């Protein structure tokens, strides 16, 4: 059985612009620091967004340490989306970290074929937990 070391959850307080087809960070956790050398991270993210004009799909990703190694966890999920609609994008990933470095997690979205900005909506959230691994 795993032991929980640290946990952080963040909610998006204000809307975020999602420029046309640029991958954009919607929300980020604080850094989590494990007490031991190896650990697992579990991350759950839900992004609420209004899809921009012309968009045919939205890709959602979870990344570890977006300002440093910027590793995509799991598989990026492309979801068919209709421009102007509000969509709820949920993704979960696990992360095996072989050393004791601190980790921060972020969820990003990227529109496909967009001709106008989308909007990441307030109330989107991310929850990350560091456990023994």
Protein backbone atom coordinates (compact mmCIF):
# COMPACT_ATOMS: atom_id res chain seq x y z
CA UNK A 1 0.00 0.00 0.00
CA UNK A 2 1.25 3.48 -0.87
CA UNK A 3 1.79 6.28 1.60
CA UNK A 4 0.65 9.79 0.69
CA UNK A 5 3.41 12.39 1.09
CA UNK A 6 1.96 15.64 -0.26
CA UNK A 7 -1.02 16.95 -2.16
CA UNK A 8 -1.99 20.16 -3.88
CA UNK A 9 -5.18 21.25 -5.61
CA UNK A 10 -5.77 24.48 -7.50
CA UNK A 11 -8.85 26.03 -9.07
CA UNK A 12 -8.68 28.59 -11.85
CA UNK A 13 -9.89 31.88 -10.38
CA UNK A 14 -10.20 33.88 -13.63
CA UNK A 15 -10.69 33.00 -17.29
CA UNK A 16 -7.58 32.36 -19.43
CA UNK A 17 -7.36 33.13 -23.17
CA UNK A 18 -6.45 30.14 -25.35
CA UNK A 19 -4.84 31.74 -28.46
CA UNK A 20 -5.93 30.08 -31.72
CA UNK A 21 -3.74 26.97 -32.13
CA UNK A 22 -1.09 27.62 -29.45
CA UNK A 23 -0.69 25.08 -26.63
CA UNK A 24 -1.55 27.09 -23.53
CA UNK A 25 -1.18 26.36 -19.82
CA UNK A 26 -4.53 26.69 -18.10
CA UNK A 27 -3.65 25.87 -14.48
CA UNK A 28 -0.59 24.74 -12.52
CA UNK A 29 -0.04 23.13 -9.11
CA UNK A 30 2.44 24.32 -6.53
CA UNK A 31 5.68 22.32 -6.28
CA UNK A 32 5.42 19.02 -4.38
CA UNK A 33 8.54 17.77 -2.62
CA UNK A 34 8.77 14.12 -1.57
CA UNK A 35 10.68 13.05 1.55
CA UNK A 36 12.36 10.13 -0.27
CA UNK A 37 14.25 9.51 -3.50
CA UNK A 38 11.62 7.81 -5.67
CA UNK A 39 7.89 8.44 -5.79
CA UNK A 40 4.77 8.44 -7.91
CA UNK A 41 2.59 11.37 -8.74
CA UNK A 42 -1.08 11.11 -9.57
CA UNK A 43 -2.72 14.02 -11.35
CA UNK A 44 -6.35 14.70 -12.19
CA UNK A 45 -7.35 17.76 -14.20
CA UNK A 46 -10.66 19.12 -15.47
CA UNK A 47 -10.68 22.05 -17.88
CA UNK A 48 -13.86 23.90 -18.71
CA UNK A 49 -13.51 25.93 -21.90
CA UNK A 50 -15.38 27.83 -24.54
CA UNK A 51 -14.12 26.64 -27.92
CA UNK A 52 -12.88 29.28 -30.41
CA UNK A 53 -14.32 29.87 -33.89
CA UNK A 54 -13.23 27.32 -36.50
CA UNK A 55 -12.02 24.80 -33.92
CA UNK A 56 -12.58 21.13 -34.81
CA UNK A 57 -10.84 19.51 -31.83
CA UNK A 58 -9.12 20.35 -28.55
CA UNK A 59 -6.07 18.49 -27.21
CA UNK A 60 -5.55 18.35 -23.45
CA UNK A 61 -2.22 17.41 -21.85
CA UNK A 62 -0.76 17.06 -18.35
CA UNK A 63 2.89 18.09 -18.03
CA UNK A 64 5.50 17.65 -15.29
CA UNK A 65 7.69 20.67 -14.46
CA UNK A 66 6.47 22.88 -17.33
CA UNK A 67 9.25 25.46 -16.73
CA UNK A 68 12.03 22.85 -16.80
CA UNK A 69 11.89 19.30 -18.24
CA UNK A 70 8.31 19.82 -19.50
CA UNK A 71 7.44 16.12 -19.86
CA UNK A 72 3.99 15.11 -21.16
CA UNK A 73 2.47 12.48 -18.87
CA UNK A 74 0.36 9.73 -20.33
CA UNK A 75 -1.21 10.35 -23.71
CA UNK A 76 -2.42 13.70 -24.99
CA UNK A 77 -6.14 13.39 -25.66
CA UNK A 78 -7.71 15.05 -28.72
CA UNK A 79 -11.43 15.64 -28.24
CA UNK A 80 -13.78 16.60 -31.07
CA UNK A 81 -15.22 20.03 -30.30
CA UNK A 82 -17.70 22.41 -31.93
CA UNK A 83 -16.76 26.09 -32.09
CA UNK A 84 -18.62 28.27 -29.60
CA UNK A 85 -19.61 25.39 -27.35
CA UNK A 86 -18.54 24.96 -23.73
CA UNK A 87 -16.72 21.66 -23.22
CA UNK A 88 -15.49 19.84 -20.13
CA UNK A 89 -12.12 18.14 -20.68
CA UNK A 90 -10.99 15.63 -18.05
CA UNK A 91 -7.65 13.83 -17.94
CA UNK A 92 -5.78 11.71 -15.39
CA UNK A 93 -2.13 10.66 -15.42
CA UNK A 94 0.39 8.91 -13.21
CA UNK A 95 4.05 9.83 -13.00
CA UNK A 96 6.97 7.71 -11.77
CA UNK A 97 9.84 9.94 -10.69
CA UNK A 98 13.15 8.09 -10.19
CA UNK A 99 14.81 10.73 -8.00
CA UNK A 100 13.83 13.11 -5.23
CA UNK A 101 13.36 16.28 -7.27
CA UNK A 102 10.34 18.46 -6.61
CA UNK A 103 7.57 18.27 -9.18
CA UNK A 104 5.00 20.72 -10.40
CA UNK A 105 2.13 19.72 -12.68
CA UNK A 106 0.24 21.70 -15.29
CA UNK A 107 -2.68 21.07 -17.62
CA UNK A 108 -2.54 22.56 -21.12
CA UNK A 109 -5.00 22.80 -23.98
CA UNK A 110 -4.50 23.34 -27.70
CA UNK A 111 -7.18 24.01 -30.28
CA UNK A 112 -7.05 22.50 -33.80
CA UNK A 113 -7.91 24.67 -36.83
CA UNK A 114 -9.02 27.59 -34.64
CA UNK A 115 -9.37 31.02 -36.26
CA UNK A 116 -10.25 32.76 -32.98
CA UNK A 117 -9.26 32.41 -29.34
CA UNK A 118 -10.95 29.99 -26.99
CA UNK A 119 -11.31 30.59 -23.26
CA UNK A 120 -10.27 28.43 -20.32
CA UNK A 121 -13.03 29.06 -17.80
CA UNK A 122 -12.79 29.88 -14.11
CA UNK A 123 -13.62 26.80 -12.06
CA UNK A 124 -11.26 24.52 -13.98
CA UNK A 125 -9.07 22.54 -11.62
CA UNK A 126 -6.04 20.33 -11.10
CA UNK A 127 -5.28 17.97 -8.20
CA UNK A 128 -1.88 16.31 -7.72
CA UNK A 129 -0.78 13.83 -5.06
CA UNK A 130 2.71 12.50 -4.37
CA UNK A 131 2.77 8.94 -3.01
CA UNK A 132 5.41 6.33 -2.21
CA UNK A 133 6.28 4.31 -5.25
